[in-house]
Each structure stands twice: as C-alpha cells, then as structure tokens.
N, C-alpha and C. Protein backbone atom coordinates (compact mmCIF):
# COMPACT_ATOMS: atom_id res chain seq x y z
N MET A 1 119.68 88.44 149.26
CA MET A 1 120.20 88.89 147.91
C MET A 1 120.10 90.28 147.96
N SER A 2 121.62 90.41 147.50
CA SER A 2 121.90 92.01 147.75
C SER A 2 122.55 92.37 146.27
N GLU A 3 123.14 91.16 145.42
CA GLU A 3 123.53 92.06 144.55
C GLU A 3 122.68 91.90 143.51
N LEU A 4 123.03 93.35 142.86
CA LEU A 4 121.70 93.77 141.72
C LEU A 4 121.75 92.93 140.53
N ASN A 5 122.64 92.16 139.93
CA ASN A 5 122.91 91.34 138.89
C ASN A 5 122.32 89.44 139.12
N LYS A 6 122.00 89.68 140.40
CA LYS A 6 121.20 88.25 141.00
C LYS A 6 119.38 88.36 140.55
N ILE A 7 119.03 89.95 140.64
CA ILE A 7 117.76 90.10 140.54
C ILE A 7 117.12 90.59 138.88
N SER A 8 116.38 89.26 138.60
CA SER A 8 115.84 89.08 137.86
C SER A 8 114.60 89.92 137.72
N THR A 9 114.55 90.57 136.02
CA THR A 9 113.52 91.45 135.97
C THR A 9 112.29 90.90 134.66
N ASP A 10 112.84 89.67 134.61
CA ASP A 10 112.51 89.67 133.19
C ASP A 10 111.14 88.56 133.22
N GLY A 11 110.28 88.62 133.99
CA GLY A 11 108.84 88.09 134.07
C GLY A 11 107.80 89.09 133.70
N ASN A 12 106.52 88.49 133.73
CA ASN A 12 105.62 89.40 133.93
C ASN A 12 105.39 90.44 134.90
N ILE A 13 104.88 91.58 133.93
CA ILE A 13 104.31 92.46 134.83
C ILE A 13 102.86 92.80 135.08
N PHE A 14 102.72 92.92 136.27
CA PHE A 14 101.27 93.13 136.75
C PHE A 14 100.96 94.62 137.18
N GLY A 15 99.62 95.11 137.61
CA GLY A 15 99.72 96.24 138.06
C GLY A 15 98.64 96.26 138.76
N ILE A 16 98.27 96.68 140.25
CA ILE A 16 97.51 97.51 141.10
C ILE A 16 96.99 98.61 140.92
N ALA A 17 95.41 98.50 140.29
CA ALA A 17 95.05 100.07 140.04
C ALA A 17 94.17 100.24 141.74
N LEU A 18 93.95 101.45 141.78
CA LEU A 18 93.33 101.97 143.08
C LEU A 18 93.88 101.51 144.38
N ASN A 19 95.17 101.68 144.43
CA ASN A 19 95.92 100.93 145.84
C ASN A 19 96.52 101.96 146.40
N TYR A 20 95.98 103.30 146.42
CA TYR A 20 96.06 104.64 147.23
C TYR A 20 95.28 104.97 147.64
N LYS A 21 95.03 105.32 149.11
CA LYS A 21 93.68 105.70 149.49
C LYS A 21 93.29 107.16 149.33
N CYS A 22 93.95 107.85 148.72
CA CYS A 22 93.38 109.04 148.01
C CYS A 22 92.76 109.40 146.87
N LEU A 23 93.27 108.05 146.06
CA LEU A 23 92.60 108.17 144.74
C LEU A 23 91.63 107.17 145.02
N TYR A 24 91.38 106.08 145.87
CA TYR A 24 90.56 105.47 145.67
C TYR A 24 89.13 106.00 146.48
N GLU A 25 89.41 106.80 147.30
CA GLU A 25 88.38 107.34 147.93
C GLU A 25 87.64 108.69 147.31
N LYS A 26 88.41 108.81 146.09
CA LYS A 26 88.06 110.05 145.03
C LYS A 26 87.28 109.92 144.07
N ILE A 27 87.06 108.48 143.72
CA ILE A 27 86.21 108.05 143.22
C ILE A 27 84.91 106.61 143.40
N GLN A 28 85.39 106.45 144.83
CA GLN A 28 84.76 105.36 145.39
C GLN A 28 83.05 105.71 145.32
N ALA A 29 82.46 106.48 145.32
CA ALA A 29 81.01 106.69 145.11
C ALA A 29 80.40 106.12 143.79
N GLN A 30 81.63 106.04 142.65
CA GLN A 30 81.32 105.46 141.32
C GLN A 30 81.09 104.13 141.69
N PHE A 31 81.61 103.35 142.33
CA PHE A 31 81.47 102.22 142.38
C PHE A 31 79.85 101.84 142.73
N ASN A 32 79.54 102.74 143.78
CA ASN A 32 77.78 101.97 144.12
C ASN A 32 76.98 102.53 143.35
N GLU A 33 77.39 103.10 142.16
CA GLU A 33 76.35 103.26 140.76
C GLU A 33 76.32 102.26 139.68
N LYS A 34 75.27 102.00 139.06
CA LYS A 34 74.71 101.11 138.11
C LYS A 34 75.98 101.24 137.10
N PRO A 35 76.48 100.37 136.20
CA PRO A 35 75.77 99.03 136.54
C PRO A 35 76.61 98.03 137.66
N TYR A 36 77.32 98.67 138.32
CA TYR A 36 78.12 97.63 139.19
C TYR A 36 77.87 97.71 140.91
N VAL A 37 77.03 98.92 141.44
CA VAL A 37 76.37 98.81 142.65
C VAL A 37 77.55 98.13 143.52
N ASN A 38 78.67 98.20 143.20
CA ASN A 38 79.69 97.18 144.43
C ASN A 38 80.89 97.81 144.24
N GLU A 39 81.60 97.81 145.10
CA GLU A 39 82.66 98.19 145.14
C GLU A 39 83.78 97.01 145.14
N PRO A 40 85.16 97.18 144.87
CA PRO A 40 85.93 95.87 144.50
C PRO A 40 86.22 95.13 145.95
N LYS A 41 86.16 93.71 145.76
CA LYS A 41 86.36 93.30 146.97
C LYS A 41 87.68 92.49 146.87
N LYS A 42 88.43 92.47 146.09
CA LYS A 42 90.29 91.79 145.64
C LYS A 42 90.76 93.19 144.79
N PRO A 43 92.35 93.02 144.86
CA PRO A 43 92.65 93.79 144.19
C PRO A 43 92.27 94.17 142.34
N VAL A 44 92.22 95.18 141.90
CA VAL A 44 91.89 95.46 140.70
C VAL A 44 93.03 95.57 139.65
N LEU A 45 93.10 94.20 138.82
CA LEU A 45 94.54 94.12 138.26
C LEU A 45 94.49 94.47 137.02
N PHE A 46 95.75 94.85 136.23
CA PHE A 46 96.12 95.04 134.97
C PHE A 46 97.52 94.83 134.39
N ILE A 47 97.78 94.37 133.24
CA ILE A 47 99.13 93.76 132.73
C ILE A 47 99.92 95.23 132.19
N LYS A 48 100.85 94.83 132.21
CA LYS A 48 102.10 95.66 130.96
C LYS A 48 102.78 94.58 130.35
N THR A 49 102.20 94.97 129.14
CA THR A 49 102.79 93.72 128.08
C THR A 49 104.39 93.54 127.79
N PRO A 50 104.62 93.02 127.36
CA PRO A 50 106.10 92.94 127.32
C PRO A 50 106.91 94.02 126.20
N ASN A 51 105.56 94.41 125.08
CA ASN A 51 106.06 95.73 124.07
C ASN A 51 106.28 97.23 125.44
N THR A 52 106.00 97.14 126.44
CA THR A 52 105.82 97.97 127.16
C THR A 52 107.09 98.33 127.80
N ARG A 53 107.92 97.29 128.18
CA ARG A 53 109.27 97.85 128.71
C ARG A 53 110.02 98.92 128.08
N ASN A 54 110.46 99.57 128.90
CA ASN A 54 111.62 100.58 128.87
C ASN A 54 112.07 100.72 129.91
N GLN A 55 113.25 101.33 129.87
CA GLN A 55 114.38 101.59 130.56
C GLN A 55 114.78 103.21 130.90
N SER A 56 115.29 103.80 131.68
CA SER A 56 115.78 104.91 132.08
C SER A 56 116.54 105.53 130.62
N GLY A 57 116.57 106.55 130.26
CA GLY A 57 117.34 107.38 129.28
C GLY A 57 117.13 107.52 127.87
N ASN A 58 115.79 106.35 127.73
CA ASN A 58 114.89 105.92 126.06
C ASN A 58 114.37 107.11 126.02
N PRO A 59 113.65 107.53 124.67
CA PRO A 59 112.32 108.12 124.64
C PRO A 59 111.12 107.34 124.73
N VAL A 60 110.16 107.99 125.44
CA VAL A 60 108.84 107.73 125.37
C VAL A 60 108.01 108.43 124.27
N VAL A 61 107.59 107.46 123.20
CA VAL A 61 106.78 107.66 122.36
C VAL A 61 105.45 107.93 122.28
N LYS A 62 104.71 109.53 122.32
CA LYS A 62 103.08 109.27 122.34
C LYS A 62 102.38 109.39 121.03
N GLN A 63 101.99 109.17 120.74
CA GLN A 63 100.53 109.24 119.53
C GLN A 63 100.29 111.15 119.69
N LYS A 64 100.23 111.51 118.55
CA LYS A 64 99.79 113.00 118.18
C LYS A 64 98.78 113.67 119.38
N ASP A 65 97.56 112.61 119.21
CA ASP A 65 96.34 113.45 119.85
C ASP A 65 96.01 112.77 121.04
N ASP A 66 96.91 111.97 121.66
CA ASP A 66 96.88 111.18 122.79
C ASP A 66 97.28 112.24 124.07
N ILE A 67 96.50 112.20 125.23
CA ILE A 67 96.81 112.45 126.45
C ILE A 67 97.69 111.73 127.00
N LEU A 68 98.94 112.10 127.61
CA LEU A 68 99.49 110.60 128.01
C LEU A 68 100.47 111.39 129.39
N GLN A 69 99.53 110.33 130.41
CA GLN A 69 100.23 110.87 131.97
C GLN A 69 101.31 110.15 132.85
N ALA A 70 102.45 110.47 133.46
CA ALA A 70 102.97 109.69 134.05
C ALA A 70 102.43 109.07 135.29
N GLY A 71 103.19 108.20 136.13
CA GLY A 71 102.74 107.44 136.80
C GLY A 71 103.63 106.89 137.84
N PRO A 72 104.05 107.55 138.88
CA PRO A 72 105.13 106.66 139.69
C PRO A 72 104.55 105.84 141.11
N ALA A 73 105.36 104.46 140.45
CA ALA A 73 104.83 103.43 141.05
C ALA A 73 105.88 102.63 141.42
N LEU A 74 106.15 101.90 142.76
CA LEU A 74 106.72 100.92 143.10
C LEU A 74 106.72 99.38 143.08
N GLY A 75 107.86 99.12 142.40
CA GLY A 75 107.61 97.69 141.46
C GLY A 75 108.02 96.83 142.89
N ILE A 76 107.08 95.42 142.87
CA ILE A 76 107.75 94.56 143.83
C ILE A 76 108.64 93.40 142.95
N VAL A 77 109.80 93.40 143.04
CA VAL A 77 110.16 92.06 141.95
C VAL A 77 110.27 90.78 142.62
N ILE A 78 109.79 89.82 142.72
CA ILE A 78 109.41 88.48 142.91
C ILE A 78 110.72 87.77 142.40
N GLY A 79 111.59 86.89 143.73
CA GLY A 79 112.86 86.48 143.87
C GLY A 79 112.47 85.18 143.77
N LYS A 80 111.57 84.45 144.60
CA LYS A 80 111.47 82.52 144.83
C LYS A 80 109.64 82.59 144.16
N SER A 81 109.70 81.78 143.26
CA SER A 81 108.21 81.43 142.93
C SER A 81 107.34 81.23 144.08
N THR A 82 106.34 81.43 143.96
CA THR A 82 105.29 81.07 144.97
C THR A 82 103.60 80.97 144.47
N SER A 83 103.12 80.37 145.36
CA SER A 83 101.94 80.06 145.33
C SER A 83 100.79 80.12 146.10
N ARG A 84 100.03 80.56 146.42
CA ARG A 84 99.20 80.42 148.07
C ARG A 84 99.95 81.00 149.15
N VAL A 85 100.68 81.74 149.24
CA VAL A 85 101.58 82.17 150.36
C VAL A 85 100.72 82.92 151.16
N SER A 86 101.21 82.96 152.33
CA SER A 86 100.41 83.69 153.49
C SER A 86 101.19 85.12 153.53
N GLU A 87 100.48 85.84 153.99
CA GLU A 87 101.02 87.66 153.99
C GLU A 87 102.26 87.37 155.40
N ASN A 88 101.88 86.66 155.94
CA ASN A 88 103.47 86.47 157.16
C ASN A 88 104.55 86.17 156.38
N ASP A 89 104.45 85.30 155.17
CA ASP A 89 105.53 84.61 154.34
C ASP A 89 105.86 85.53 153.40
N ALA A 90 105.34 86.15 152.48
CA ALA A 90 104.98 86.44 151.69
C ALA A 90 106.33 87.58 151.32
N LEU A 91 107.04 88.35 152.08
CA LEU A 91 108.00 89.20 151.81
C LEU A 91 109.00 88.22 151.65
N ALA A 92 109.30 87.12 152.12
CA ALA A 92 110.48 86.08 151.95
C ALA A 92 110.47 85.89 150.26
N HIS A 93 109.52 85.99 149.43
CA HIS A 93 109.54 85.50 148.55
C HIS A 93 110.15 86.65 147.55
N VAL A 94 110.37 87.84 148.20
CA VAL A 94 110.36 88.94 147.36
C VAL A 94 112.08 89.30 147.44
N ALA A 95 112.19 89.31 145.72
CA ALA A 95 113.70 89.62 145.83
C ALA A 95 114.48 91.29 145.93
N GLY A 96 113.41 91.90 145.47
CA GLY A 96 113.59 93.63 145.84
C GLY A 96 112.66 94.99 145.13
N PHE A 97 112.70 95.53 145.16
CA PHE A 97 111.95 96.58 144.97
C PHE A 97 112.35 97.17 143.72
N VAL A 98 111.38 98.56 142.94
CA VAL A 98 112.07 99.02 141.47
C VAL A 98 111.57 100.40 141.59
N THR A 99 112.09 101.21 141.04
CA THR A 99 110.81 102.42 140.57
C THR A 99 110.82 102.24 139.32
N VAL A 100 109.32 102.50 139.30
CA VAL A 100 108.79 102.39 137.66
C VAL A 100 107.67 103.61 137.31
N ASN A 101 107.81 104.23 136.17
CA ASN A 101 107.17 105.11 135.40
C ASN A 101 106.03 104.15 134.63
N GLU A 102 104.88 104.19 135.25
CA GLU A 102 104.03 103.63 134.67
C GLU A 102 103.22 104.48 134.30
N LEU A 103 103.37 104.83 132.78
CA LEU A 103 102.79 105.76 131.42
C LEU A 103 101.72 105.10 131.29
N SER A 104 100.73 106.10 131.04
CA SER A 104 99.08 105.34 131.14
C SER A 104 98.60 106.99 130.02
N LEU A 105 97.53 106.34 129.24
CA LEU A 105 96.70 107.15 128.64
C LEU A 105 95.48 107.36 129.90
N PRO A 106 94.63 108.46 129.85
CA PRO A 106 93.83 108.48 130.75
C PRO A 106 92.60 107.45 130.66
N GLU A 107 92.24 106.72 132.36
CA GLU A 107 91.29 105.73 132.20
C GLU A 107 89.59 106.04 132.20
N ASP A 108 88.92 105.47 131.93
CA ASP A 108 87.79 106.11 131.91
C ASP A 108 86.85 104.83 132.75
N SER A 109 87.09 103.88 133.20
CA SER A 109 86.55 102.86 133.90
C SER A 109 87.32 101.84 134.40
N TYR A 110 87.72 101.65 135.77
CA TYR A 110 88.26 100.65 136.66
C TYR A 110 87.82 99.69 136.26
N TYR A 111 86.36 99.19 135.53
CA TYR A 111 86.44 97.37 135.60
C TYR A 111 86.34 97.07 134.44
N ARG A 112 87.09 98.14 133.33
CA ARG A 112 87.23 97.13 132.27
C ARG A 112 88.87 97.27 131.91
N PRO A 113 89.40 96.19 131.25
CA PRO A 113 90.62 96.10 131.35
C PRO A 113 91.36 97.01 130.39
N ALA A 114 92.36 97.63 130.75
CA ALA A 114 92.83 99.20 130.27
C ALA A 114 94.01 99.01 129.40
N ILE A 115 93.38 98.06 128.32
CA ILE A 115 94.56 97.34 127.49
C ILE A 115 95.13 98.84 126.56
N LYS A 116 94.13 99.33 126.22
CA LYS A 116 94.83 100.35 125.10
C LYS A 116 95.16 101.53 125.77
N ALA A 117 94.95 101.99 127.05
CA ALA A 117 95.65 103.08 127.97
C ALA A 117 97.13 102.57 128.50
N LYS A 118 97.17 101.39 128.89
CA LYS A 118 98.24 100.93 129.32
C LYS A 118 99.43 100.02 128.75
N CYS A 119 99.19 99.58 127.68
CA CYS A 119 100.05 98.40 127.07
C CYS A 119 100.68 99.32 125.66
N GLN A 120 101.32 100.74 125.61
CA GLN A 120 101.49 101.06 124.37
C GLN A 120 102.66 100.85 124.63
N ASP A 121 103.61 100.80 123.31
CA ASP A 121 105.18 100.50 123.34
C ASP A 121 105.76 101.87 124.48
N GLY A 122 106.68 101.35 125.11
CA GLY A 122 107.41 101.61 126.08
C GLY A 122 106.55 102.44 127.35
N PHE A 123 105.65 101.97 127.59
CA PHE A 123 104.72 102.51 128.52
C PHE A 123 105.34 102.15 130.27
N CYS A 124 106.01 101.25 130.18
CA CYS A 124 106.43 100.74 131.27
C CYS A 124 108.20 101.06 131.60
N VAL A 125 108.82 102.21 132.32
CA VAL A 125 110.08 102.27 132.36
C VAL A 125 110.47 101.78 133.39
N LEU A 126 111.35 100.88 133.89
CA LEU A 126 111.82 100.02 134.61
C LEU A 126 113.39 100.64 135.28
N GLY A 127 113.95 100.84 136.41
CA GLY A 127 114.46 101.36 136.85
C GLY A 127 115.69 100.72 137.38
N THR A 128 116.55 100.31 138.17
CA THR A 128 117.49 99.29 138.70
C THR A 128 117.04 98.70 139.84
N PRO A 129 116.51 97.42 140.50
CA PRO A 129 115.90 97.11 141.33
C PRO A 129 116.86 97.18 142.29
N VAL A 130 116.57 97.22 143.68
CA VAL A 130 117.45 97.43 144.96
C VAL A 130 117.02 96.22 145.61
N ALA A 131 117.79 95.52 145.98
CA ALA A 131 117.56 94.26 147.04
C ALA A 131 116.88 94.69 148.15
N ALA A 132 115.77 93.77 148.29
CA ALA A 132 114.95 94.00 149.52
C ALA A 132 115.61 94.32 150.65
N ASP A 133 116.62 93.60 150.86
CA ASP A 133 117.05 93.84 152.42
C ASP A 133 118.12 94.90 152.83
N ALA A 134 117.76 95.86 151.74
CA ALA A 134 118.70 97.13 151.61
C ALA A 134 117.38 98.29 151.53
N VAL A 135 116.36 97.69 151.59
CA VAL A 135 115.12 98.75 151.67
C VAL A 135 114.79 98.78 153.03
N THR A 136 114.51 100.04 153.53
CA THR A 136 114.12 100.06 154.68
C THR A 136 112.67 100.77 155.18
N ASP A 137 111.85 100.54 155.93
CA ASP A 137 110.57 101.55 156.34
C ASP A 137 109.50 101.67 154.68
N LEU A 138 109.63 100.39 154.31
CA LEU A 138 108.97 100.40 153.19
C LEU A 138 107.47 100.84 152.88
N ASN A 139 107.02 101.12 153.81
CA ASN A 139 105.51 101.59 154.04
C ASN A 139 105.57 103.16 154.46
N ASN A 140 106.50 103.49 154.13
CA ASN A 140 106.86 105.26 154.44
C ASN A 140 107.91 105.71 153.31
N LEU A 141 107.51 105.82 152.16
CA LEU A 141 108.50 105.93 151.13
C LEU A 141 107.78 106.80 150.48
N THR A 142 108.76 107.87 149.69
CA THR A 142 108.13 109.42 149.09
C THR A 142 108.00 108.87 147.76
N LEU A 143 107.38 108.95 146.87
CA LEU A 143 107.09 109.08 145.28
C LEU A 143 107.52 110.53 144.50
N ARG A 144 108.13 110.71 143.82
CA ARG A 144 107.81 112.04 143.10
C ARG A 144 107.83 112.31 141.82
N VAL A 145 107.50 113.09 140.98
CA VAL A 145 107.48 113.18 139.43
C VAL A 145 107.97 114.85 139.13
N TYR A 146 108.92 114.64 138.67
CA TYR A 146 109.20 115.75 138.35
C TYR A 146 109.38 116.11 136.43
N VAL A 147 108.78 117.51 136.13
CA VAL A 147 108.92 117.52 134.70
C VAL A 147 109.36 118.91 134.17
N ASN A 148 110.52 118.67 133.64
CA ASN A 148 111.40 119.80 133.34
C ASN A 148 112.18 120.26 134.49
N GLY A 149 112.58 119.40 135.52
CA GLY A 149 112.85 119.60 136.77
C GLY A 149 112.37 120.20 137.91
N GLU A 150 110.70 120.79 137.66
CA GLU A 150 109.96 121.30 138.37
C GLU A 150 109.10 119.95 138.97
N LEU A 151 108.95 119.98 140.22
CA LEU A 151 107.93 118.93 140.89
C LEU A 151 106.63 119.16 140.55
N LYS A 152 106.10 117.59 140.22
CA LYS A 152 104.59 118.35 139.76
C LYS A 152 103.68 117.09 140.78
N GLN A 153 104.08 116.03 141.47
CA GLN A 153 103.63 114.91 141.88
C GLN A 153 104.47 114.63 143.13
N GLU A 154 103.56 114.26 144.19
CA GLU A 154 104.50 113.54 145.29
C GLU A 154 103.14 113.20 146.05
N GLY A 155 103.79 111.73 146.35
CA GLY A 155 102.67 110.77 147.03
C GLY A 155 103.53 109.62 148.15
N THR A 156 103.04 109.08 149.19
CA THR A 156 103.52 108.35 149.90
C THR A 156 103.11 106.93 149.84
N THR A 157 104.24 105.77 150.42
CA THR A 157 103.66 104.98 150.48
C THR A 157 102.79 104.31 151.55
N ALA A 158 102.80 105.23 152.56
CA ALA A 158 101.83 105.43 153.66
C ALA A 158 100.05 105.29 153.61
N ASN A 159 100.11 105.54 152.25
CA ASN A 159 98.88 105.76 151.61
C ASN A 159 98.15 104.72 151.09
N TRP A 160 99.12 103.73 151.08
CA TRP A 160 98.66 102.56 149.99
C TRP A 160 97.68 101.91 151.32
N ILE A 161 96.62 100.99 150.36
CA ILE A 161 95.73 100.36 151.01
C ILE A 161 96.12 98.88 151.36
N ARG A 162 96.72 98.29 150.37
CA ARG A 162 97.04 96.97 150.34
C ARG A 162 98.67 97.24 150.60
N THR A 163 99.45 96.67 151.60
CA THR A 163 100.95 96.92 151.34
C THR A 163 101.46 95.15 150.72
N PRO A 164 102.81 95.47 150.52
CA PRO A 164 103.38 94.57 149.11
C PRO A 164 103.07 92.99 149.92
N ALA A 165 103.20 92.84 151.17
CA ALA A 165 102.69 91.67 152.04
C ALA A 165 101.44 91.20 151.45
N GLN A 166 100.32 92.01 151.32
CA GLN A 166 98.66 91.79 151.06
C GLN A 166 98.65 91.64 149.85
N ILE A 167 99.27 92.41 149.05
CA ILE A 167 98.95 91.98 147.52
C ILE A 167 99.55 90.83 147.05
N ILE A 168 100.85 90.27 147.75
CA ILE A 168 101.16 88.56 146.95
C ILE A 168 100.64 87.79 147.54
N GLU A 169 99.72 87.94 148.82
CA GLU A 169 98.95 86.74 149.30
C GLU A 169 97.51 86.56 148.55
N GLU A 170 96.92 87.76 148.32
CA GLU A 170 96.02 88.14 147.52
C GLU A 170 96.13 87.48 146.01
N ILE A 171 96.91 87.80 145.57
CA ILE A 171 97.25 87.57 144.21
C ILE A 171 97.63 85.82 144.48
N SER A 172 98.65 85.76 144.88
CA SER A 172 98.96 84.49 145.06
C SER A 172 98.14 83.12 145.21
N GLU A 173 97.18 84.05 145.71
CA GLU A 173 95.66 82.88 145.77
C GLU A 173 95.16 81.99 144.84
N TYR A 174 95.49 82.89 143.85
CA TYR A 174 94.71 82.06 142.59
C TYR A 174 95.58 82.23 141.36
N MET A 175 96.78 82.73 141.22
CA MET A 175 97.44 82.85 140.31
C MET A 175 98.81 82.54 140.90
N PRO A 176 99.79 81.52 140.37
CA PRO A 176 101.16 81.61 140.82
C PRO A 176 101.98 82.77 140.09
N LEU A 177 102.91 83.22 141.20
CA LEU A 177 103.97 84.42 140.95
C LEU A 177 105.18 83.52 140.80
N ASN A 178 106.15 83.98 139.54
CA ASN A 178 107.30 83.50 139.14
C ASN A 178 108.73 84.19 139.51
N GLU A 179 109.63 83.71 139.67
CA GLU A 179 111.05 84.90 139.82
C GLU A 179 110.76 85.44 138.60
N GLY A 180 111.14 86.70 138.65
CA GLY A 180 111.05 87.36 137.30
C GLY A 180 110.22 88.48 137.34
N ASP A 181 108.98 88.32 137.97
CA ASP A 181 107.71 88.78 137.84
C ASP A 181 107.75 90.15 138.41
N ILE A 182 107.17 91.05 138.20
CA ILE A 182 107.12 92.31 138.88
C ILE A 182 105.57 92.68 138.60
N ILE A 183 105.48 93.55 140.54
CA ILE A 183 104.29 93.96 140.52
C ILE A 183 104.41 95.22 140.97
N LEU A 184 103.56 95.92 140.01
CA LEU A 184 103.10 97.30 140.34
C LEU A 184 101.84 98.06 141.34
N THR A 185 102.63 98.36 142.50
CA THR A 185 101.83 98.44 143.62
C THR A 185 100.99 99.96 143.71
N GLY A 186 100.37 100.59 142.20
CA GLY A 186 99.61 101.37 142.11
C GLY A 186 100.48 102.94 141.97
N THR A 187 99.36 103.70 141.76
CA THR A 187 100.40 105.16 141.48
C THR A 187 99.08 106.43 142.37
N PRO A 188 99.95 107.51 142.84
CA PRO A 188 98.80 108.24 143.86
C PRO A 188 98.12 108.61 143.19
N ASP A 189 97.15 109.79 143.81
CA ASP A 189 96.40 110.50 143.11
C ASP A 189 96.81 111.90 142.71
N GLY A 190 96.90 112.35 140.98
CA GLY A 190 97.40 113.54 140.37
C GLY A 190 98.00 113.01 139.66
N ARG A 191 97.93 112.06 138.77
CA ARG A 191 98.60 111.47 137.65
C ARG A 191 98.93 113.25 136.81
N VAL A 192 100.45 113.50 136.16
CA VAL A 192 100.54 114.27 135.31
C VAL A 192 100.76 114.07 134.04
N ASP A 193 99.98 115.21 133.16
CA ASP A 193 100.13 115.38 131.93
C ASP A 193 101.41 115.59 131.29
N VAL A 194 101.97 114.70 130.42
CA VAL A 194 103.61 115.27 129.95
C VAL A 194 102.95 115.51 128.39
N GLN A 195 103.89 116.17 127.86
CA GLN A 195 103.94 116.52 126.27
C GLN A 195 104.96 116.12 125.65
N ALA A 196 105.02 116.18 124.72
CA ALA A 196 106.41 116.13 123.52
C ALA A 196 107.46 117.06 123.95
N GLY A 197 108.50 116.83 124.05
CA GLY A 197 109.85 117.62 124.60
C GLY A 197 110.17 117.69 126.18
N ASP A 198 108.67 117.36 126.74
CA ASP A 198 109.45 117.37 128.24
C ASP A 198 110.37 116.39 128.56
N GLU A 199 111.13 116.41 129.42
CA GLU A 199 111.96 115.53 130.40
C GLU A 199 111.41 115.36 131.82
N VAL A 200 110.96 113.95 131.84
CA VAL A 200 110.00 113.12 132.88
C VAL A 200 110.94 112.49 133.99
N ARG A 201 111.00 112.93 135.68
CA ARG A 201 111.98 111.98 135.97
C ARG A 201 110.92 111.62 137.30
N VAL A 202 110.89 109.99 137.34
CA VAL A 202 110.21 109.42 138.40
C VAL A 202 111.05 108.90 139.27
N GLU A 203 111.09 109.34 140.71
CA GLU A 203 112.19 108.89 141.69
C GLU A 203 111.20 108.28 143.08
N ILE A 204 111.86 107.72 143.83
CA ILE A 204 111.55 106.86 145.08
C ILE A 204 112.39 107.14 146.04
N ASP A 205 112.30 107.50 147.17
CA ASP A 205 112.93 107.05 148.06
C ASP A 205 113.73 106.11 148.43
N GLN A 206 115.41 105.54 148.37
CA GLN A 206 116.14 104.51 148.49
C GLN A 206 116.03 103.67 147.12
N LEU A 207 115.05 103.82 146.12
CA LEU A 207 115.17 103.40 144.96
C LEU A 207 115.82 103.64 143.85
N GLY A 208 116.17 105.24 143.70
CA GLY A 208 116.46 105.84 142.61
C GLY A 208 115.59 106.44 141.84
N SER A 209 115.85 106.25 140.49
CA SER A 209 114.81 107.37 139.63
C SER A 209 115.47 107.07 138.03
N VAL A 210 114.33 107.26 137.26
CA VAL A 210 114.06 106.97 136.29
C VAL A 210 113.75 107.83 135.26
N THR A 211 114.67 108.80 134.26
CA THR A 211 114.27 109.76 133.51
C THR A 211 113.89 109.61 132.06
N ASN A 212 113.16 110.13 131.53
CA ASN A 212 112.54 110.11 129.92
C ASN A 212 112.53 111.06 129.24
N THR A 213 112.55 111.05 128.06
CA THR A 213 112.31 112.41 127.32
C THR A 213 110.94 111.88 126.42
N ILE A 214 109.46 113.06 126.05
CA ILE A 214 108.57 112.02 125.89
C ILE A 214 108.71 113.05 123.97
N GLN A 215 108.27 112.10 123.02
CA GLN A 215 108.69 112.36 122.14
C GLN A 215 106.90 111.69 121.27
N GLU A 216 106.85 112.63 119.97
CA GLU A 216 105.55 112.28 119.64
C GLU A 216 105.98 111.54 118.38
N GLU A 217 104.85 110.91 118.05
CA GLU A 217 104.99 109.57 117.00
C GLU A 217 105.16 110.70 115.59
N GLY A 218 106.18 110.15 115.22
CA GLY A 218 106.43 110.68 113.62
C GLY A 218 107.85 111.92 113.71
N ASN A 219 108.13 112.43 114.77
CA ASN A 219 108.67 113.53 114.76
C ASN A 219 110.23 112.97 115.48
C-alpha cells in the first residue's frame, strides 16, 4: 500500500504507556511497592477518545492552570483487521506509520486510566501516514520535540520495550484490531512542558512532523 489516500486513520486510537526502557526503568521500583507489589505483565493501555483528534497547523488549547506536556509518539496504522495474530505475521496487517504529538497532563499513576490527562480536546495531533513499505529501520528512528525552534527532547525507537509486531500480537490476543485503528507506541522519557504561545513541533525520522501553537482557554 503505497498511496497515502488509501491509508485510513479513522478508527480507534489506543496508546501504550511505559514502552521506552529509559522511562520504565526510571519508575520501575514504584511497581514493587504497595498496593500493587508487581510490575505490569502486559502492555499498559490507554485510549485517546475521538475528541482528542487534531492535526498539524491547528491550535492546541489548554486550561489556564493545567500543566500541558508534549509527547512524541510513533503511531502504527492498522490496514487489515486482525485478531490473535502472531508476532511473525503482525506487520502484514499494518498499512503505515504516523508521527503523533500525544499531548497529556502529568500522570500520577500508571495503574489508573488516565482519562482526564489524556482525553481533552485536541490532545492527539496526527500527521500524514507513511506507507509501511516506505519506512526502513523501524526500530532505529529518532523522535524529536522542538519548542519555538529549540530542541527540547530526543529519543529513539531503539529504546522500545515492545516492537510494533509484539504490541499487535499482545493486543490482538484479547481485542480485535480494525482497519484505521492507530496504536501509539509510547513516548520517551523527558516529556516537555509547553506554555500558551509556544510553537511545538514533533518530528520522527522518515515520518515527517506536526506543528501546533498552544493557546490558553478563553484567549
């Protein structure tokens, strides 16, 4: 599938938390404390509801007293519906990949659904998907966040805990994935706080960038 207009991104948007080793290792000890006393065995999922959809060039609106953080994420775009697919066959169900700014308020727990933090209007900026067969070295791409032209965060998919194929296998074991669904593969450690008036650009090697200006509600 090489034509961009054939890649649907109209499905559900799911995200994987803690999928970068640098971030996971930073908070790993917390999982062994009460009340959980155990580390997650499966991917920690969250959702981005339809109201979060946004695109490059549009404003992102934050509430006055909220701390808003940018989050560079590589999105997997499902091209063929699947259920219980193996890791070896998983990428055959992928139409493409997309740059995403997965905006969020700070999270205080990875064991509670982060609805308030993740699901506010415009908090998921989607770029233009790139066909899967046009992306090389998927597990070694650099993600960057620029604020007002200054590099503020940099990470690499080489730091993934689970690859896209592994993520698809594990999720499809208990939940069907459909054409147009997007799975966000996590954000690296070091989320960047952004303020009203900031121009924020997220870019990923080979996948392009998205740029938005932050506005404050009521202004």
